[in-house]
Amino acid sequence: HCGCPVVLMSLLETRQTAASGGTWPFETQEESGGRSPDPTTPALLRLSDTLLAHYRRGVRPVRDWRTTTTVAIDVMVYAILSVDEKNQVLTTYIWYRQHWTDEFLQWDPAHFDNITQISLPAESIWVPDILINEFVDVGKSPDVPYVYIRHHGEVQNLKPIQVVTACSLDIYNFPFDVQNCSLTFTSWLHNIHDINLSLWRQPELVKFDRSVFMNQGEWELLYVLSHFQEFSVKSSDSYAEMKFYVVIRRRPLFYAINLLLPSIFLMVMDIVGFYLPPNSGERVSFKITLLLGYSVFLIIVSDTLPATAVGTPLIGIYFVVCMALLVISLTETIFIVRLVHKQDLQPHVPSWVKHLLLERATALLCIWDRKKFSQSRTQSSDISRHVENNDSTAKLNHYGSEDPRDREVAGGTRPTPAFATPAEGSLLVHSILHEITTIRQFLEKRDEFRDVAREWLQVGYVLDVLLFRAYLVAVLAYTITLGTLWSVWQYA
């Protein structure tokens, strides 16, 4: 008799549990769903209690352990948040979807007010341990605590994920680079006999799906490739994995305007600087200013260029080559200015230099006025020298060879100063002639120095034109090569 009240209370609690949507201890889940529903309890609560009453979330939901649980997954790229070239890390924001069949979460909708789907906490049911192999950091993903369950046992788990993954980034073609990063989904523990993977949608639909992608950032989504494969580690069990290759391309307009155009403008100004006269010092100072300006430009853009420990982008090589071209241009200018600089002790131009530069090079470069100017200048200098020689010789002959007796014979007597004797007059004339001869030699030497300087100036002009055209050809060939490569990469 003492135990009767306890038994009666236990039976009453059991009946109350059954009335609230639970199952009798001796009934199955299907038998409990076949009773007439209690109109006072909502159908969702009765269905939730019925499904989770005897559910074991730690066991794979199959009645036959030999049955494989197939998980269908899908990925939709929402945004490319950042690409860290230095650390080789890609941060993306994706909409991840997966569904599988849970054989312990099935019911008849007719017994529960025609409910065909219900949302339950993800922590209350079995969820496959599918991870991304390339994970390197936990992203700031929102927590979605619920999953959808349909009456035939299909479980849908939909959630957004911020994915921080490792990716082998190739920045050689920067800013026209295309990156291919993979997201590998696989079960970390279960082999392919327990959990298999498949695609939720067709591969063609996944490839060109940009319906949710934010297409206003730096990166443009080209396509998403999918590939299924099996792999094993050291002849162990096989595992299923699904790879999604996210192929993105950088938009180069910002970098072309802020990096390439200033460099091109400086190189154009360097080419224009060759039109300054080589015998003036303005060209040297102008090119030094350009070189300093380009150095400041490289310091400013150094933070914009991607940096990796593996390789250097081609645009970095482009900047270094442009810097080298500016140095070569300055060196050529210094050489030409040193060549045409006037010096009193400058030797004559060698004959082989005249033959190569003033004859061959002028014909090759179509500089016909240089030779004509040289000939006219040489003829005028020869004529002036000839006239001066004739005048000086005539004067010497007139004053040096004239004898007083000849003057008397000629009938003309030239009066001499009363205070000067004939011997003193002869010495005075000889000293005057000596001074005149010294002045004449000085003027001839000055004219010779001027002719030597003119010859070197002419050689400098021809050599400057030759080096300028060679420099221009090198710059144009370099520019066309880089432009062709970048155009091929841009529209490949």
Protein backbone atom coordinates (compact mmCIF):
# COMPACT_ATOMS: atom_id res chain seq x y z
CA HIS A 1 0.00 0.00 0.00
CA CYS A 2 2.84 2.44 0.57
CA GLY A 3 3.97 2.17 -3.02
CA CYS A 4 0.56 2.74 -4.64
CA PRO A 5 0.61 6.60 -4.51
CA VAL A 6 4.09 6.64 -6.11
CA VAL A 7 2.96 4.38 -8.95
CA LEU A 8 -0.19 6.46 -9.49
CA MET A 9 1.83 9.70 -9.62
CA SER A 10 4.25 8.15 -12.12
CA LEU A 11 1.37 7.07 -14.35
CA LEU A 12 -0.17 10.57 -14.19
CA GLU A 13 3.14 12.22 -15.17
CA THR A 14 3.52 9.75 -18.03
CA ARG A 15 0.03 10.53 -19.31
CA GLN A 16 0.70 14.28 -19.08
CA THR A 17 3.90 13.86 -21.07
CA ALA A 18 2.08 11.86 -23.72
CA ALA A 19 -0.72 14.43 -23.86
CA SER A 20 1.78 17.24 -24.43
CA GLY A 21 3.15 15.56 -27.59
CA GLY A 22 5.64 13.11 -26.14
CA THR A 23 5.67 9.37 -26.61
CA TRP A 24 4.69 6.67 -24.28
CA PRO A 25 7.58 4.70 -22.92
CA PHE A 26 6.32 1.62 -24.62
CA GLU A 27 5.25 3.26 -27.92
CA THR A 28 7.25 3.92 -31.03
CA GLN A 29 7.49 7.31 -32.69
CA GLU A 30 5.02 6.32 -35.45
CA GLU A 31 2.43 5.01 -32.94
CA SER A 32 2.57 8.20 -30.90
CA GLY A 33 1.98 10.28 -34.03
CA GLY A 34 -1.14 8.22 -34.84
CA ARG A 35 -3.11 9.34 -31.76
CA SER A 36 -5.63 12.15 -31.98
CA PRO A 37 -3.90 15.49 -31.34
CA ASP A 38 -4.56 17.51 -28.28
CA PRO A 39 -6.22 20.75 -29.44
CA THR A 40 -4.68 22.70 -26.56
CA THR A 41 -1.02 22.02 -27.65
CA PRO A 42 0.35 23.75 -30.81
CA ALA A 43 1.31 21.40 -33.60
CA LEU A 44 4.88 22.76 -33.82
CA LEU A 45 5.50 22.00 -30.16
CA ARG A 46 4.05 18.52 -30.43
CA LEU A 47 6.16 17.85 -33.55
CA SER A 48 9.32 19.21 -31.93
CA ASP A 49 8.83 17.14 -28.80
CA THR A 50 8.06 14.08 -30.89
CA LEU A 51 11.20 14.43 -33.00
CA LEU A 52 13.62 15.19 -30.18
CA ALA A 53 12.18 12.92 -27.47
CA HIS A 54 14.54 9.99 -28.07
CA TYR A 55 16.96 11.59 -30.54
CA ARG A 56 20.69 10.86 -30.15
CA ARG A 57 22.66 13.73 -31.72
CA GLY A 58 25.99 11.96 -31.27
CA VAL A 59 25.16 9.06 -33.63
CA ARG A 60 25.07 9.22 -37.41
CA PRO A 61 21.33 9.22 -38.33
CA VAL A 62 20.98 5.95 -40.29
CA ARG A 63 19.04 2.83 -39.35
CA ASP A 64 21.53 0.60 -41.14
CA TRP A 65 25.14 1.45 -40.33
CA ARG A 66 26.17 0.35 -43.82
CA THR A 67 24.12 3.20 -45.34
CA THR A 68 26.21 6.16 -46.48
CA THR A 69 25.08 9.65 -45.54
CA THR A 70 25.34 11.83 -48.63
CA VAL A 71 25.78 15.54 -47.95
CA ALA A 72 25.03 17.89 -50.86
CA ILE A 73 26.82 21.23 -50.58
CA ASP A 74 26.67 24.51 -52.45
CA VAL A 75 28.69 27.73 -52.38
CA MET A 76 27.65 31.21 -53.50
CA VAL A 77 30.33 33.93 -53.34
CA TYR A 78 28.95 37.12 -51.85
CA ALA A 79 32.03 39.38 -51.60
CA ILE A 80 35.83 39.41 -51.83
CA LEU A 81 36.83 41.19 -48.64
CA SER A 82 40.61 41.29 -48.87
CA VAL A 83 43.58 39.75 -50.63
CA ASP A 84 46.76 39.74 -48.54
CA GLU A 85 49.59 39.07 -50.97
CA LYS A 86 52.31 39.23 -48.33
CA ASN A 87 50.76 36.56 -46.10
CA GLN A 88 49.13 34.67 -48.98
CA VAL A 89 45.68 34.89 -47.39
CA LEU A 90 42.31 35.38 -49.09
CA THR A 91 39.26 36.59 -47.14
CA THR A 92 35.89 35.93 -48.77
CA TYR A 93 32.29 36.06 -47.65
CA ILE A 94 30.20 33.14 -48.95
CA TRP A 95 26.73 31.75 -48.58
CA TYR A 96 27.23 28.11 -47.68
CA ARG A 97 24.39 25.60 -48.05
CA GLN A 98 24.28 21.89 -47.30
CA HIS A 99 21.57 19.27 -46.93
CA TRP A 100 21.46 15.60 -46.00
CA THR A 101 18.85 12.98 -45.02
CA ASP A 102 18.26 12.23 -41.36
CA GLU A 103 16.33 8.97 -41.07
CA PHE A 104 15.33 9.72 -37.47
CA LEU A 105 13.66 13.03 -38.30
CA GLN A 106 10.71 11.89 -40.41
CA TRP A 107 6.96 12.30 -39.76
CA ASP A 108 3.60 12.20 -41.42
CA PRO A 109 2.33 15.76 -42.04
CA ALA A 110 -1.30 14.58 -41.72
CA HIS A 111 -0.74 13.82 -38.03
CA PHE A 112 0.71 17.29 -37.29
CA ASP A 113 -1.64 19.77 -38.93
CA ASN A 114 -0.02 19.26 -42.38
CA ILE A 115 3.35 20.65 -41.26
CA THR A 116 5.95 19.76 -43.94
CA GLN A 117 8.98 21.53 -42.48
CA ILE A 118 10.19 22.74 -39.13
CA SER A 119 13.19 24.65 -37.83
CA LEU A 120 15.11 23.11 -34.97
CA PRO A 121 18.28 24.16 -33.13
CA ALA A 122 21.39 22.92 -34.88
CA GLU A 123 22.82 21.92 -31.51
CA SER A 124 19.97 19.44 -30.96
CA ILE A 125 20.56 17.23 -34.02
CA TRP A 126 23.42 15.50 -35.78
CA VAL A 127 25.44 17.79 -38.08
CA PRO A 128 28.22 16.51 -40.39
CA ASP A 129 31.74 17.57 -39.50
CA ILE A 130 32.48 19.22 -42.85
CA LEU A 131 35.30 21.74 -42.73
CA ILE A 132 37.39 23.76 -45.20
CA ASN A 133 40.94 22.49 -45.43
CA GLU A 134 42.39 25.92 -46.29
CA PHE A 135 41.12 27.57 -43.10
CA VAL A 136 43.86 29.64 -41.43
CA ASP A 137 41.75 31.86 -39.17
CA VAL A 138 38.25 32.04 -37.75
CA GLY A 139 36.26 34.72 -39.53
CA LYS A 140 33.62 36.96 -38.04
CA SER A 141 30.68 34.93 -39.22
CA PRO A 142 27.15 35.49 -37.88
CA ASP A 143 25.72 32.68 -35.79
CA VAL A 144 22.74 30.91 -37.38
CA PRO A 145 21.48 28.53 -34.67
CA TYR A 146 18.67 26.82 -36.63
CA VAL A 147 18.33 24.31 -39.44
CA TYR A 148 15.33 23.44 -41.59
CA ILE A 149 13.96 19.86 -41.52
CA ARG A 150 11.43 18.52 -44.01
CA HIS A 151 8.96 15.75 -43.29
CA HIS A 152 10.88 13.17 -45.35
CA GLY A 153 14.01 13.72 -43.26
CA GLU A 154 15.91 16.23 -45.41
CA VAL A 155 17.91 18.64 -43.27
CA GLN A 156 18.97 21.98 -44.75
CA ASN A 157 21.72 23.96 -43.10
CA LEU A 158 22.04 27.45 -44.61
CA LYS A 159 24.51 29.97 -43.20
CA PRO A 160 26.83 32.79 -44.27
CA ILE A 161 30.52 32.29 -43.55
CA GLN A 162 33.47 34.66 -43.59
CA VAL A 163 36.22 32.44 -44.90
CA VAL A 164 39.88 33.26 -44.19
CA THR A 165 41.86 30.77 -46.24
CA ALA A 166 45.38 30.25 -47.45
CA CYS A 167 45.84 30.77 -51.18
CA SER A 168 48.85 30.70 -53.46
CA LEU A 169 48.67 34.22 -54.89
CA ASP A 170 50.63 34.99 -58.05
CA ILE A 171 51.28 38.73 -58.27
CA TYR A 172 53.69 38.72 -61.22
CA ASN A 173 51.00 40.19 -63.51
CA PHE A 174 49.93 42.90 -61.04
CA PRO A 175 47.72 44.93 -61.58
CA PHE A 176 46.37 42.68 -64.35
CA ASP A 177 46.53 39.52 -62.25
CA VAL A 178 43.98 36.72 -62.05
CA GLN A 179 43.90 34.65 -58.86
CA ASN A 180 42.62 31.09 -58.48
CA CYS A 181 41.92 30.11 -54.88
CA SER A 182 40.39 26.82 -53.79
CA LEU A 183 37.91 26.02 -51.02
CA THR A 184 38.10 22.31 -50.19
CA PHE A 185 35.14 20.92 -48.22
CA THR A 186 35.67 17.53 -46.62
CA SER A 187 34.70 15.55 -43.56
CA TRP A 188 37.48 15.73 -41.04
CA LEU A 189 36.77 12.32 -39.44
CA HIS A 190 34.35 10.22 -41.48
CA ASN A 191 35.57 8.35 -44.51
CA ILE A 192 33.72 8.09 -47.80
CA HIS A 193 31.78 5.02 -46.65
CA ASP A 194 30.20 7.03 -43.85
CA ILE A 195 29.88 10.51 -45.41
CA ASN A 196 29.94 11.20 -49.12
CA LEU A 197 29.78 14.62 -50.79
CA SER A 198 27.90 15.84 -53.82
CA LEU A 199 26.85 19.12 -55.47
CA TRP A 200 23.53 20.70 -54.59
CA ARG A 201 23.23 22.29 -58.05
CA GLN A 202 24.63 21.54 -61.48
CA PRO A 203 28.27 22.59 -62.06
CA GLU A 204 27.23 24.97 -64.86
CA LEU A 205 24.86 26.79 -62.53
CA VAL A 206 27.55 27.09 -59.87
CA LYS A 207 30.18 28.28 -62.35
CA PHE A 208 28.49 31.44 -63.62
CA ASP A 209 26.32 32.31 -60.64
CA ARG A 210 26.92 35.98 -59.72
CA SER A 211 23.43 36.68 -58.46
CA VAL A 212 24.51 37.63 -54.93
CA PHE A 213 28.05 38.84 -55.66
CA MET A 214 28.87 42.45 -54.77
CA ASN A 215 30.47 43.53 -58.04
CA GLN A 216 31.60 47.04 -57.04
CA GLY A 217 34.88 46.24 -55.31
CA GLU A 218 38.45 45.90 -56.47
CA TRP A 219 38.03 42.27 -57.50
CA GLU A 220 35.77 40.87 -60.17
CA LEU A 221 34.38 37.33 -59.91
CA LEU A 222 34.98 35.43 -63.14
CA TYR A 223 33.59 32.00 -62.26
CA VAL A 224 33.50 29.27 -59.61
CA LEU A 225 34.61 25.81 -60.69
CA SER A 226 33.64 22.67 -58.78
CA HIS A 227 35.40 19.34 -58.68
CA PHE A 228 34.82 16.15 -56.67
CA GLN A 229 37.60 13.75 -55.83
CA GLU A 230 38.64 11.06 -53.39
CA PHE A 231 41.90 11.10 -51.52
CA SER A 232 43.67 8.93 -49.02
CA VAL A 233 46.61 9.53 -46.71
CA LYS A 234 49.28 6.81 -46.69
CA SER A 235 47.01 4.03 -47.95
CA SER A 236 44.39 4.68 -45.26
CA ASP A 237 40.67 5.03 -45.76
CA SER A 238 39.45 7.17 -48.62
CA TYR A 239 37.82 10.50 -47.93
CA ALA A 240 35.50 12.50 -50.12
CA GLU A 241 36.23 16.15 -50.82
CA MET A 242 34.55 18.80 -52.92
CA LYS A 243 36.73 21.58 -54.30
CA PHE A 244 35.43 24.98 -55.33
CA TYR A 245 37.91 27.08 -57.33
CA VAL A 246 37.10 30.78 -56.93
CA VAL A 247 38.64 32.61 -59.90
CA ILE A 248 38.85 36.39 -59.44
CA ARG A 249 40.43 39.20 -61.45
CA ARG A 250 41.70 42.55 -60.21
CA ARG A 251 40.32 45.73 -61.75
CA PRO A 252 43.46 47.60 -62.95
CA LEU A 253 42.02 51.09 -63.64
CA PHE A 254 42.97 52.54 -60.24
CA TYR A 255 46.54 51.28 -60.46
CA ALA A 256 46.91 52.28 -64.11
CA ILE A 257 45.97 55.88 -63.27
CA ASN A 258 47.98 56.19 -60.06
CA LEU A 259 51.04 54.11 -60.94
CA LEU A 260 51.54 53.75 -64.68
CA LEU A 261 50.52 57.19 -65.97
CA PRO A 262 52.87 59.24 -63.70
CA SER A 263 55.74 56.99 -64.64
CA ILE A 264 54.91 57.34 -68.34
CA PHE A 265 54.72 61.14 -68.04
CA LEU A 266 58.16 61.30 -66.38
CA MET A 267 59.66 59.12 -69.10
CA VAL A 268 58.13 61.34 -71.81
CA MET A 269 59.63 64.41 -70.15
CA ASP A 270 63.00 62.68 -70.09
CA ILE A 271 62.76 62.09 -73.83
CA VAL A 272 61.73 65.71 -74.44
CA GLY A 273 64.78 66.82 -72.43
CA PHE A 274 67.04 65.62 -75.25
CA TYR A 275 65.94 68.62 -77.31
CA LEU A 276 67.80 70.97 -74.98
CA PRO A 277 71.19 72.08 -76.41
CA PRO A 278 73.94 69.70 -75.27
CA ASN A 279 76.46 72.50 -74.82
CA SER A 280 74.36 74.14 -72.11
CA GLY A 281 74.19 73.01 -68.51
CA GLU A 282 70.39 73.14 -68.39
CA ARG A 283 69.97 69.58 -69.64
CA VAL A 284 72.03 68.10 -66.80
CA SER A 285 70.06 69.92 -64.11
CA PHE A 286 66.77 69.04 -65.83
CA LYS A 287 67.54 65.32 -65.92
CA ILE A 288 68.81 65.34 -62.34
CA THR A 289 65.49 66.89 -61.30
CA LEU A 290 63.60 64.18 -63.19
CA LEU A 291 65.66 61.47 -61.49
CA LEU A 292 64.98 62.91 -58.04
CA GLY A 293 61.27 63.24 -58.85
CA TYR A 294 61.11 59.61 -59.96
CA SER A 295 62.83 58.52 -56.75
CA VAL A 296 60.21 60.35 -54.68
CA PHE A 297 57.49 58.77 -56.82
CA LEU A 298 58.84 55.27 -56.09
CA ILE A 299 58.93 56.01 -52.37
CA ILE A 300 55.27 57.09 -52.48
CA VAL A 301 54.03 54.07 -54.44
CA SER A 302 56.10 51.49 -52.55
CA ASP A 303 53.24 50.91 -50.10
CA THR A 304 50.78 50.35 -52.94
CA LEU A 305 52.76 47.58 -54.60
CA PRO A 306 52.12 44.06 -53.27
CA ALA A 307 55.05 42.52 -51.45
CA THR A 308 55.84 38.82 -51.25
CA ALA A 309 58.88 36.83 -50.28
CA VAL A 310 58.59 34.62 -53.35
CA GLY A 311 58.56 36.93 -56.35
CA THR A 312 58.39 40.52 -57.57
CA PRO A 313 55.54 41.87 -59.69
CA LEU A 314 56.34 42.90 -63.22
CA ILE A 315 55.34 46.48 -62.51
CA GLY A 316 58.11 46.65 -59.89
CA ILE A 317 60.60 45.51 -62.52
CA TYR A 318 59.10 48.13 -64.84
CA PHE A 319 59.77 50.89 -62.31
CA VAL A 320 63.33 49.69 -61.76
CA VAL A 321 64.02 49.60 -65.50
CA CYS A 322 62.55 53.11 -65.90
CA MET A 323 64.84 54.28 -63.12
CA ALA A 324 67.79 52.66 -64.89
CA LEU A 325 66.80 54.36 -68.16
CA LEU A 326 66.76 57.73 -66.42
CA VAL A 327 70.23 57.05 -65.02
CA ILE A 328 71.47 56.04 -68.48
CA SER A 329 69.96 59.21 -69.94
CA LEU A 330 71.71 61.35 -67.32
CA THR A 331 75.00 59.55 -67.94
CA GLU A 332 74.69 60.14 -71.67
CA THR A 333 73.97 63.82 -71.08
CA ILE A 334 77.00 64.21 -68.81
CA PHE A 335 79.19 62.50 -71.42
CA ILE A 336 77.96 64.76 -74.23
CA VAL A 337 78.36 67.93 -72.14
CA ARG A 338 81.88 66.86 -71.20
CA LEU A 339 82.63 66.19 -74.87
CA VAL A 340 81.48 69.54 -76.21
CA HIS A 341 82.83 71.61 -73.32
CA LYS A 342 85.37 74.18 -74.53
CA GLN A 343 88.91 73.67 -73.29
CA ASP A 344 92.08 75.40 -74.37
CA LEU A 345 94.14 72.22 -74.26
CA GLN A 346 91.62 70.06 -76.10
CA PRO A 347 93.26 67.99 -78.85
CA HIS A 348 92.03 67.74 -82.41
CA VAL A 349 89.32 65.27 -83.30
CA PRO A 350 90.91 62.02 -84.51
CA SER A 351 90.48 61.27 -88.16
CA TRP A 352 88.70 57.95 -87.55
CA VAL A 353 86.16 59.72 -85.33
CA LYS A 354 85.53 62.25 -88.12
CA HIS A 355 85.13 59.42 -90.60
CA LEU A 356 82.70 57.44 -88.46
CA LEU A 357 80.60 60.24 -87.00
CA LEU A 358 80.83 63.12 -89.47
CA GLU A 359 80.58 60.99 -92.60
CA ARG A 360 79.06 57.58 -91.89
CA ALA A 361 76.81 58.52 -88.96
CA THR A 362 75.48 61.67 -90.61
CA ALA A 363 74.52 59.68 -93.70
CA LEU A 364 72.93 56.98 -91.55
CA LEU A 365 70.99 59.46 -89.42
CA CYS A 366 70.14 61.72 -92.40
CA ILE A 367 71.94 64.73 -90.88
CA TRP A 368 72.99 66.39 -94.15
CA ASP A 369 73.21 69.96 -92.82
CA ARG A 370 75.99 69.02 -90.39
CA LYS A 371 78.44 68.20 -93.17
CA LYS A 372 77.52 71.25 -95.22
CA PHE A 373 77.93 73.48 -92.20
CA SER A 374 81.28 71.87 -91.47
CA GLN A 375 82.53 72.41 -95.03
CA SER A 376 81.43 76.04 -95.17
CA ARG A 377 82.94 76.74 -91.79
CA THR A 378 86.24 75.09 -92.77
CA GLN A 379 86.36 77.01 -96.05
CA SER A 380 85.69 80.34 -94.32
CA SER A 381 88.39 79.68 -91.75
CA ASP A 382 90.86 78.70 -94.46
CA ILE A 383 90.04 81.85 -96.46
CA SER A 384 90.47 84.09 -93.42
CA ARG A 385 93.77 82.42 -92.57
CA HIS A 386 94.95 82.85 -96.16
CA VAL A 387 94.05 86.53 -96.20
CA GLU A 388 95.75 87.13 -92.88
CA ASN A 389 98.89 85.33 -94.05
CA ASN A 390 99.03 87.38 -97.26
CA ASP A 391 98.51 90.66 -95.43
CA SER A 392 101.11 89.92 -92.79
CA THR A 393 103.62 88.71 -95.36
CA ALA A 394 103.12 91.80 -97.44
CA LYS A 395 103.62 94.02 -94.45
CA LEU A 396 106.77 92.19 -93.45
CA ASN A 397 108.13 92.40 -96.94
CA HIS A 398 107.23 96.07 -97.10
CA TYR A 399 108.88 97.03 -93.85
CA GLY A 400 111.54 94.38 -93.56
CA SER A 401 113.05 94.28 -97.03
CA GLU A 402 112.79 97.95 -97.92
CA ASP A 403 116.24 99.70 -98.06
CA PRO A 404 116.85 103.47 -97.80
CA ARG A 405 118.81 103.36 -101.01
CA ASP A 406 115.86 101.74 -102.80
CA ARG A 407 113.61 104.47 -101.52
CA GLU A 408 116.03 107.09 -102.86
CA VAL A 409 116.11 105.33 -106.20
CA ALA A 410 112.38 105.34 -106.31
CA GLY A 411 112.57 109.12 -105.98
CA GLY A 412 110.82 109.32 -102.70
CA THR A 413 112.50 110.27 -99.47
CA ARG A 414 110.65 109.53 -96.25
CA PRO A 415 111.54 111.97 -93.53
CA THR A 416 112.80 110.52 -90.34
CA PRO A 417 112.58 112.11 -87.00
CA ALA A 418 115.29 114.55 -86.32
CA PHE A 419 116.04 113.01 -82.98
CA ALA A 420 116.16 109.36 -84.25
CA THR A 421 119.16 107.91 -85.93
CA PRO A 422 118.82 105.28 -88.67
CA ALA A 423 119.96 102.50 -86.29
CA GLU A 424 117.39 103.47 -83.68
CA GLY A 425 114.64 103.61 -86.30
CA SER A 426 115.53 100.12 -87.49
CA LEU A 427 115.34 98.72 -83.93
CA LEU A 428 111.97 100.39 -83.36
CA VAL A 429 110.59 98.92 -86.54
CA HIS A 430 111.85 95.45 -85.60
CA SER A 431 110.26 95.64 -82.14
CA ILE A 432 106.95 96.73 -83.64
CA LEU A 433 107.11 93.86 -86.12
CA HIS A 434 107.86 91.43 -83.29
CA GLU A 435 104.83 92.61 -81.35
CA ILE A 436 102.66 92.33 -84.43
CA THR A 437 103.97 88.80 -85.05
CA THR A 438 103.16 87.81 -81.44
CA ILE A 439 99.65 89.18 -81.76
CA ARG A 440 99.23 87.35 -85.04
CA GLN A 441 100.37 84.05 -83.48
CA PHE A 442 98.00 84.56 -80.56
CA LEU A 443 95.07 85.20 -82.88
CA GLU A 444 95.98 82.15 -84.97
CA LYS A 445 96.20 80.03 -81.83
CA ARG A 446 92.82 81.32 -80.66
CA ASP A 447 91.28 80.54 -84.02
CA GLU A 448 92.80 77.07 -83.85
CA PHE A 449 91.27 76.48 -80.41
CA ARG A 450 87.94 77.71 -81.72
CA ASP A 451 88.14 75.33 -84.66
CA VAL A 452 88.98 72.42 -82.35
CA ALA A 453 86.04 73.33 -80.09
CA ARG A 454 83.76 73.58 -83.11
CA GLU A 455 84.89 70.16 -84.32
CA TRP A 456 84.19 68.57 -80.93
CA LEU A 457 80.84 70.39 -80.76
CA GLN A 458 79.92 68.99 -84.13
CA VAL A 459 80.97 65.48 -83.02
CA GLY A 460 78.95 65.97 -79.84
CA TYR A 461 75.83 66.98 -81.76
CA VAL A 462 76.04 63.96 -84.05
CA LEU A 463 76.79 61.60 -81.17
CA ASP A 464 73.92 63.11 -79.16
CA VAL A 465 71.47 62.47 -81.99
CA LEU A 466 72.77 58.91 -82.35
CA LEU A 467 72.47 58.10 -78.64
CA PHE A 468 69.08 59.80 -78.40
CA ARG A 469 67.65 57.69 -81.19
CA ALA A 470 69.10 54.52 -79.69
CA TYR A 471 67.61 55.50 -76.31
CA LEU A 472 64.26 56.25 -77.94
CA VAL A 473 64.23 52.87 -79.70
CA ALA A 474 65.00 51.09 -76.41
CA VAL A 475 62.21 52.94 -74.55
CA LEU A 476 59.69 52.27 -77.32
CA ALA A 477 60.59 48.57 -77.55
CA TYR A 478 60.33 48.23 -73.77
CA THR A 479 56.97 50.03 -73.70
CA ILE A 480 55.49 48.01 -76.55
CA THR A 481 56.62 44.73 -74.96
CA LEU A 482 55.06 45.55 -71.60
CA GLY A 483 51.89 46.92 -73.20
CA THR A 484 51.50 43.75 -75.27
CA LEU A 485 52.01 41.49 -72.26
CA TRP A 486 49.55 43.40 -70.11
CA SER A 487 46.99 43.50 -72.93
CA VAL A 488 47.25 39.74 -73.37
CA TRP A 489 46.85 39.17 -69.63
CA GLN A 490 43.95 41.60 -69.42
CA TYR A 491 41.89 40.01 -72.19
CA ALA A 492 43.05 36.41 -71.82
